[in-house]
Amino acid sequence: MKKCQFVSINKGDTLEKLAVKYKSSIESVQSSNPTVNFNQIKEGQMICISSELSVCPIGSIPYQVKDDDTLGSIATKFYTTVETIIDTNPNIDPNNLQIGQIICINEQLPKIPTCPSMNIYVIRPQDTLYSIASKFGITIDSLTRINKGLNPYNLSVGSIICLPFTPTPYIIVIEVQLKRLLLYYLGRLYTNYPVAVGKQTTPTPLGQFYILNKQVNPGGPFGTRWMGLSQPSYGIHGTNRPDSIGFNASNGCIRMFNHDVEDLFSKVSVQTPVIIL
């Protein structure tokens, strides 16, 4: 029997957003509310969210299939294998994934090396030692020295390597009122990202800081990446609350969408200046 949890519609909610927020599927939300027209839902309206599809075995987590997902891309995202996903989901059809479908993932985190510099990098598609060295202004020799046993001809996407200290061409500027993170390269605006900042009761500290350390998959409210600041207890990180981005919602840290923080993480290094205005 399905367990029904009644929740209130918030401003901006859609059928798709509700399915993502409550780790359900579009089909499950619709079938649990047969009389609701989701094209005309209103703020404050109560609907039923069934939890039946969200139950995964202990040691695994639910994942909602998105557009263009394949088992291969999902396996890469969660540092696991296609075979492991199929074993965990014996009834899945690998050739017929449906958008909104819920599958269970045994999350296998990558082995994280101990880096004296606290400066780490996650291998991305198309990376080579040459492209990584060029991106951070270092030499291939310095990369192989700091990463003993690294095979330059077999870089595995999602694996983690250490980076030596190096002067950085980037500067991060965070505009609290605009809720934007601006990334400058050699003094010119390179790109920007939406963020969430501190609540009025727990404001984001203003001033000049720098990235002190970097961590992969801190988990929970910190999402998939953490970049600790020189201001103790504060950092730039991902989130498990993507609906909070663009708002005063944090305890003072800078929250980003996970895909955005992963992109930023791949560009900046320890010692990158961070100016919060």
Protein backbone atom coordinates (compact mmCIF):
# COMPACT_ATOMS: atom_id res chain seq x y z
CA MET A 1 0.00 0.00 0.00
CA LYS A 2 1.26 3.49 -0.86
CA LYS A 3 2.20 5.87 1.93
CA CYS A 4 0.73 9.33 1.33
CA GLN A 5 2.44 12.46 2.61
CA PHE A 6 0.41 15.65 2.17
CA VAL A 7 2.48 18.67 1.18
CA SER A 8 1.68 22.29 0.37
CA ILE A 9 2.31 23.80 -3.06
CA ASN A 10 4.90 26.61 -2.98
CA LYS A 11 5.18 29.52 -5.39
CA GLY A 12 6.81 28.41 -8.64
CA ASP A 13 6.14 24.70 -8.10
CA THR A 14 5.47 22.58 -11.19
CA LEU A 15 4.77 18.88 -11.62
CA GLU A 16 8.39 18.25 -12.61
CA LYS A 17 9.81 20.32 -9.72
CA LEU A 18 7.57 18.50 -7.22
CA ALA A 19 8.75 15.12 -8.48
CA VAL A 20 12.40 16.17 -8.12
CA LYS A 21 11.90 17.84 -4.74
CA TYR A 22 10.25 14.80 -3.18
CA LYS A 23 12.41 12.17 -4.96
CA SER A 24 9.37 10.73 -6.69
CA SER A 25 8.38 10.50 -10.36
CA ILE A 26 6.04 12.55 -12.51
CA GLU A 27 3.85 9.48 -13.03
CA SER A 28 3.67 8.76 -9.29
CA VAL A 29 2.71 12.35 -8.39
CA GLN A 30 -0.02 12.36 -11.06
CA SER A 31 -1.42 8.94 -10.11
CA SER A 32 -1.50 9.93 -6.41
CA ASN A 33 -3.56 13.02 -7.28
CA PRO A 34 -6.00 11.94 -10.02
CA THR A 35 -8.32 14.95 -9.55
CA VAL A 36 -5.56 17.61 -9.60
CA ASN A 37 -4.90 19.66 -12.75
CA PHE A 38 -1.16 20.33 -12.44
CA ASN A 39 -1.37 23.07 -15.07
CA GLN A 40 -3.50 25.08 -12.65
CA ILE A 41 -2.05 24.34 -9.21
CA LYS A 42 -2.04 27.23 -6.74
CA GLU A 43 0.21 28.25 -3.87
CA GLY A 44 -1.03 26.69 -0.61
CA GLN A 45 -2.89 23.86 -2.35
CA MET A 46 -2.38 20.45 -0.70
CA ILE A 47 -1.40 17.39 -2.72
CA CYS A 48 -0.41 13.81 -1.92
CA ILE A 49 3.16 12.58 -2.43
CA SER A 50 3.52 8.80 -2.47
CA SER A 51 6.76 7.50 -0.99
CA GLU A 52 6.46 3.99 -2.39
CA LEU A 53 8.74 4.59 -5.39
CA SER A 54 11.36 6.36 -3.32
CA VAL A 55 12.22 3.32 -1.17
CA CYS A 56 15.64 1.92 -2.07
CA PRO A 57 17.67 -0.81 -0.34
CA ILE A 58 19.92 0.21 2.54
CA GLY A 59 23.19 1.53 1.15
CA SER A 60 21.59 2.95 -2.00
CA ILE A 61 19.88 6.20 -2.91
CA PRO A 62 16.97 7.04 -5.28
CA TYR A 63 17.77 8.82 -8.56
CA GLN A 64 15.26 10.27 -11.02
CA VAL A 65 16.15 9.70 -14.67
CA LYS A 66 16.59 12.93 -16.62
CA ASP A 67 16.52 13.80 -20.31
CA ASP A 68 19.48 12.29 -22.22
CA ASP A 69 20.45 10.03 -19.28
CA THR A 70 21.92 6.64 -20.08
CA LEU A 71 23.06 3.97 -17.64
CA GLY A 72 26.61 4.84 -18.67
CA SER A 73 26.26 8.54 -17.88
CA ILE A 74 24.49 7.79 -14.59
CA ALA A 75 27.23 5.33 -13.62
CA THR A 76 29.88 7.98 -14.34
CA LYS A 77 27.99 10.58 -12.30
CA PHE A 78 27.88 8.33 -9.23
CA TYR A 79 31.30 6.69 -9.64
CA THR A 80 29.79 3.24 -10.10
CA THR A 81 29.33 0.77 -12.98
CA VAL A 82 26.47 -0.10 -15.32
CA GLU A 83 26.60 -3.68 -14.02
CA THR A 84 26.16 -2.51 -10.40
CA ILE A 85 23.15 -0.36 -11.36
CA ILE A 86 21.52 -3.31 -13.16
CA ASP A 87 22.19 -5.61 -10.16
CA THR A 88 20.53 -3.07 -7.85
CA ASN A 89 17.57 -2.62 -10.23
CA PRO A 90 16.85 -6.14 -11.59
CA ASN A 91 13.64 -5.04 -13.35
CA ILE A 92 15.20 -2.13 -15.22
CA ASP A 93 15.30 -2.10 -19.03
CA PRO A 94 18.72 -0.56 -19.88
CA ASN A 95 17.55 0.27 -23.40
CA ASN A 96 14.32 1.96 -22.37
CA LEU A 97 14.95 4.44 -19.55
CA GLN A 98 12.01 6.78 -18.98
CA ILE A 99 12.32 10.45 -17.98
CA GLY A 100 11.12 10.69 -14.37
CA GLN A 101 11.74 7.01 -13.67
CA ILE A 102 13.21 6.27 -10.22
CA ILE A 103 16.18 3.91 -9.99
CA CYS A 104 18.33 2.98 -7.01
CA ILE A 105 22.06 3.76 -6.99
CA ASN A 106 24.72 2.13 -4.85
CA GLU A 107 26.86 5.22 -4.49
CA GLN A 108 30.55 4.42 -4.82
CA LEU A 109 32.65 7.43 -3.91
CA PRO A 110 36.04 7.80 -5.56
CA LYS A 111 39.20 7.19 -3.60
CA ILE A 112 40.39 10.59 -2.45
CA PRO A 113 44.16 11.00 -2.25
CA THR A 114 45.88 12.81 0.57
CA CYS A 115 47.16 16.03 -0.96
CA PRO A 116 49.65 18.07 1.09
CA SER A 117 48.52 21.15 -0.85
CA MET A 118 44.80 20.42 -0.12
CA ASN A 119 44.46 21.21 -3.82
CA ILE A 120 42.57 18.52 -5.72
CA TYR A 121 41.07 18.12 -9.16
CA VAL A 122 38.40 15.74 -10.49
CA ILE A 123 39.10 14.29 -13.93
CA ARG A 124 36.50 15.40 -16.48
CA PRO A 125 35.65 14.02 -19.94
CA GLN A 126 38.30 14.83 -22.57
CA ASP A 127 40.91 15.72 -19.92
CA THR A 128 44.57 14.93 -20.58
CA LEU A 129 47.59 15.71 -18.42
CA TYR A 130 48.53 18.35 -20.98
CA SER A 131 45.13 20.07 -20.82
CA ILE A 132 45.11 19.98 -16.99
CA ALA A 133 48.67 21.34 -16.81
CA SER A 134 47.80 24.11 -19.28
CA LYS A 135 44.62 25.03 -17.38
CA PHE A 136 46.48 25.55 -14.10
CA GLY A 137 49.78 26.88 -15.48
CA ILE A 138 51.84 23.94 -14.23
CA THR A 139 54.01 21.29 -15.87
CA ILE A 140 53.16 17.68 -16.67
CA ASP A 141 56.28 16.69 -14.72
CA SER A 142 54.98 18.43 -11.57
CA LEU A 143 51.66 16.57 -11.95
CA THR A 144 53.30 13.15 -12.24
CA ARG A 145 55.63 13.89 -9.30
CA ILE A 146 52.79 14.76 -6.95
CA ASN A 147 50.60 11.86 -8.15
CA LYS A 148 52.77 8.75 -7.78
CA GLY A 149 51.63 5.88 -9.97
CA LEU A 150 49.36 8.04 -12.16
CA ASN A 151 48.97 6.53 -15.63
CA PRO A 152 48.91 9.51 -18.04
CA TYR A 153 47.38 7.33 -20.75
CA ASN A 154 44.48 6.07 -18.67
CA LEU A 155 42.83 8.98 -16.86
CA SER A 156 39.51 7.77 -15.48
CA VAL A 157 36.64 10.29 -15.50
CA GLY A 158 35.67 11.04 -11.90
CA SER A 159 39.01 10.02 -10.41
CA ILE A 160 40.83 12.54 -8.24
CA ILE A 161 44.38 13.84 -8.55
CA CYS A 162 46.47 16.29 -6.56
CA LEU A 163 47.58 19.66 -7.94
CA PRO A 164 50.70 21.51 -6.81
CA PHE A 165 50.44 25.05 -5.51
CA THR A 166 50.42 27.52 -8.38
CA PRO A 167 49.60 31.22 -8.85
CA THR A 168 45.98 31.46 -10.01
CA PRO A 169 44.70 33.68 -12.85
CA TYR A 170 41.17 33.58 -11.38
CA ILE A 171 39.39 35.82 -8.88
CA ILE A 172 35.96 35.03 -7.45
CA VAL A 173 33.63 37.93 -6.67
CA ILE A 174 30.35 37.21 -4.88
CA GLU A 175 27.66 39.89 -4.97
CA VAL A 176 25.40 39.07 -2.05
CA GLN A 177 22.53 41.37 -3.01
CA LEU A 178 22.43 40.07 -6.58
CA LYS A 179 22.99 36.47 -5.44
CA ARG A 180 25.56 35.90 -8.17
CA LEU A 181 29.08 34.50 -8.16
CA LEU A 182 31.30 36.18 -10.76
CA LEU A 183 34.44 34.44 -11.98
CA TYR A 184 37.17 36.68 -13.41
CA TYR A 185 40.08 35.41 -15.50
CA LEU A 186 43.10 37.72 -15.84
CA GLY A 187 40.92 40.64 -14.75
CA ARG A 188 38.09 40.00 -17.21
CA LEU A 189 34.67 38.54 -16.43
CA TYR A 190 34.80 34.90 -17.55
CA THR A 191 31.43 33.54 -16.37
CA ASN A 192 28.91 33.84 -13.55
CA TYR A 193 26.61 31.56 -11.57
CA PRO A 194 23.43 31.98 -9.48
CA VAL A 195 23.90 31.28 -5.77
CA ALA A 196 22.09 31.22 -2.46
CA VAL A 197 23.52 33.34 0.36
CA GLY A 198 23.02 33.65 4.11
CA LYS A 199 19.71 34.34 5.78
CA GLN A 200 19.20 37.65 7.59
CA THR A 201 19.84 35.88 10.89
CA THR A 202 22.97 34.12 9.55
CA PRO A 203 24.42 36.53 6.97
CA THR A 204 27.23 35.76 4.58
CA PRO A 205 30.43 37.48 5.80
CA LEU A 206 31.70 40.34 3.65
CA GLY A 207 35.38 40.91 2.92
CA GLN A 208 38.41 39.49 1.14
CA PHE A 209 39.21 35.81 1.60
CA TYR A 210 40.75 32.94 -0.36
CA ILE A 211 40.05 29.26 -1.01
CA LEU A 212 41.75 27.30 1.76
CA ASN A 213 40.87 23.72 0.83
CA LYS A 214 38.81 21.64 -1.59
CA GLN A 215 36.75 18.50 -0.96
CA VAL A 216 34.84 16.12 -3.21
CA ASN A 217 31.40 14.76 -2.27
CA PRO A 218 31.06 16.21 1.25
CA GLY A 219 27.43 15.10 0.95
CA GLY A 220 24.20 16.21 2.60
CA PRO A 221 23.55 19.97 2.50
CA PHE A 222 27.01 20.55 0.95
CA GLY A 223 26.22 18.67 -2.25
CA THR A 224 28.98 17.33 -4.48
CA ARG A 225 31.79 19.85 -3.90
CA TRP A 226 33.17 22.01 -1.07
CA MET A 227 35.66 24.88 -1.31
CA GLY A 228 36.49 26.05 2.21
CA LEU A 229 37.29 29.72 2.71
CA SER A 230 39.97 31.31 4.85
CA GLN A 231 37.09 32.58 6.99
CA PRO A 232 36.62 29.62 9.38
CA SER A 233 33.41 27.57 9.00
CA TYR A 234 32.41 29.18 5.68
CA GLY A 235 32.71 27.87 2.15
CA ILE A 236 31.38 27.66 -1.38
CA HIS A 237 29.53 24.38 -1.91
CA GLY A 238 26.82 22.45 -3.71
CA THR A 239 23.45 21.64 -2.21
CA ASN A 240 20.72 19.09 -1.71
CA ARG A 241 18.20 21.95 -1.89
CA PRO A 242 18.40 23.26 -5.47
CA ASP A 243 15.14 25.15 -4.93
CA SER A 244 17.01 27.46 -2.49
CA ILE A 245 19.33 28.90 -5.15
CA GLY A 246 18.62 32.59 -5.70
CA PHE A 247 17.45 33.16 -2.14
CA ASN A 248 18.75 34.15 1.31
CA ALA A 249 18.67 30.58 2.54
CA SER A 250 22.00 29.43 3.97
CA ASN A 251 23.76 29.71 7.32
CA GLY A 252 26.26 32.07 5.73
CA CYS A 253 27.93 29.83 3.13
CA ILE A 254 27.59 30.25 -0.62
CA ARG A 255 25.36 27.57 -2.12
CA MET A 256 25.46 26.62 -5.80
CA PHE A 257 23.73 24.15 -8.06
CA ASN A 258 25.81 20.96 -8.01
CA HIS A 259 26.57 21.14 -11.74
CA ASP A 260 27.73 24.75 -11.32
CA VAL A 261 29.92 24.09 -8.28
CA GLU A 262 31.51 21.15 -10.11
CA ASP A 263 32.31 23.46 -13.03
CA LEU A 264 33.80 26.11 -10.72
CA PHE A 265 35.71 23.46 -8.76
CA SER A 266 37.37 22.30 -11.99
CA LYS A 267 38.65 25.82 -12.76
CA VAL A 268 39.92 27.30 -9.51
CA SER A 269 42.61 26.15 -7.12
CA VAL A 270 43.57 26.62 -3.50
CA GLN A 271 44.65 30.22 -2.81
CA THR A 272 42.17 31.66 -5.35
CA PRO A 273 41.07 35.08 -4.00
CA VAL A 274 37.39 35.39 -3.01
CA ILE A 275 35.87 38.84 -2.61
CA ILE A 276 32.39 38.99 -1.05
CA LEU A 277 30.56 42.29 -1.50
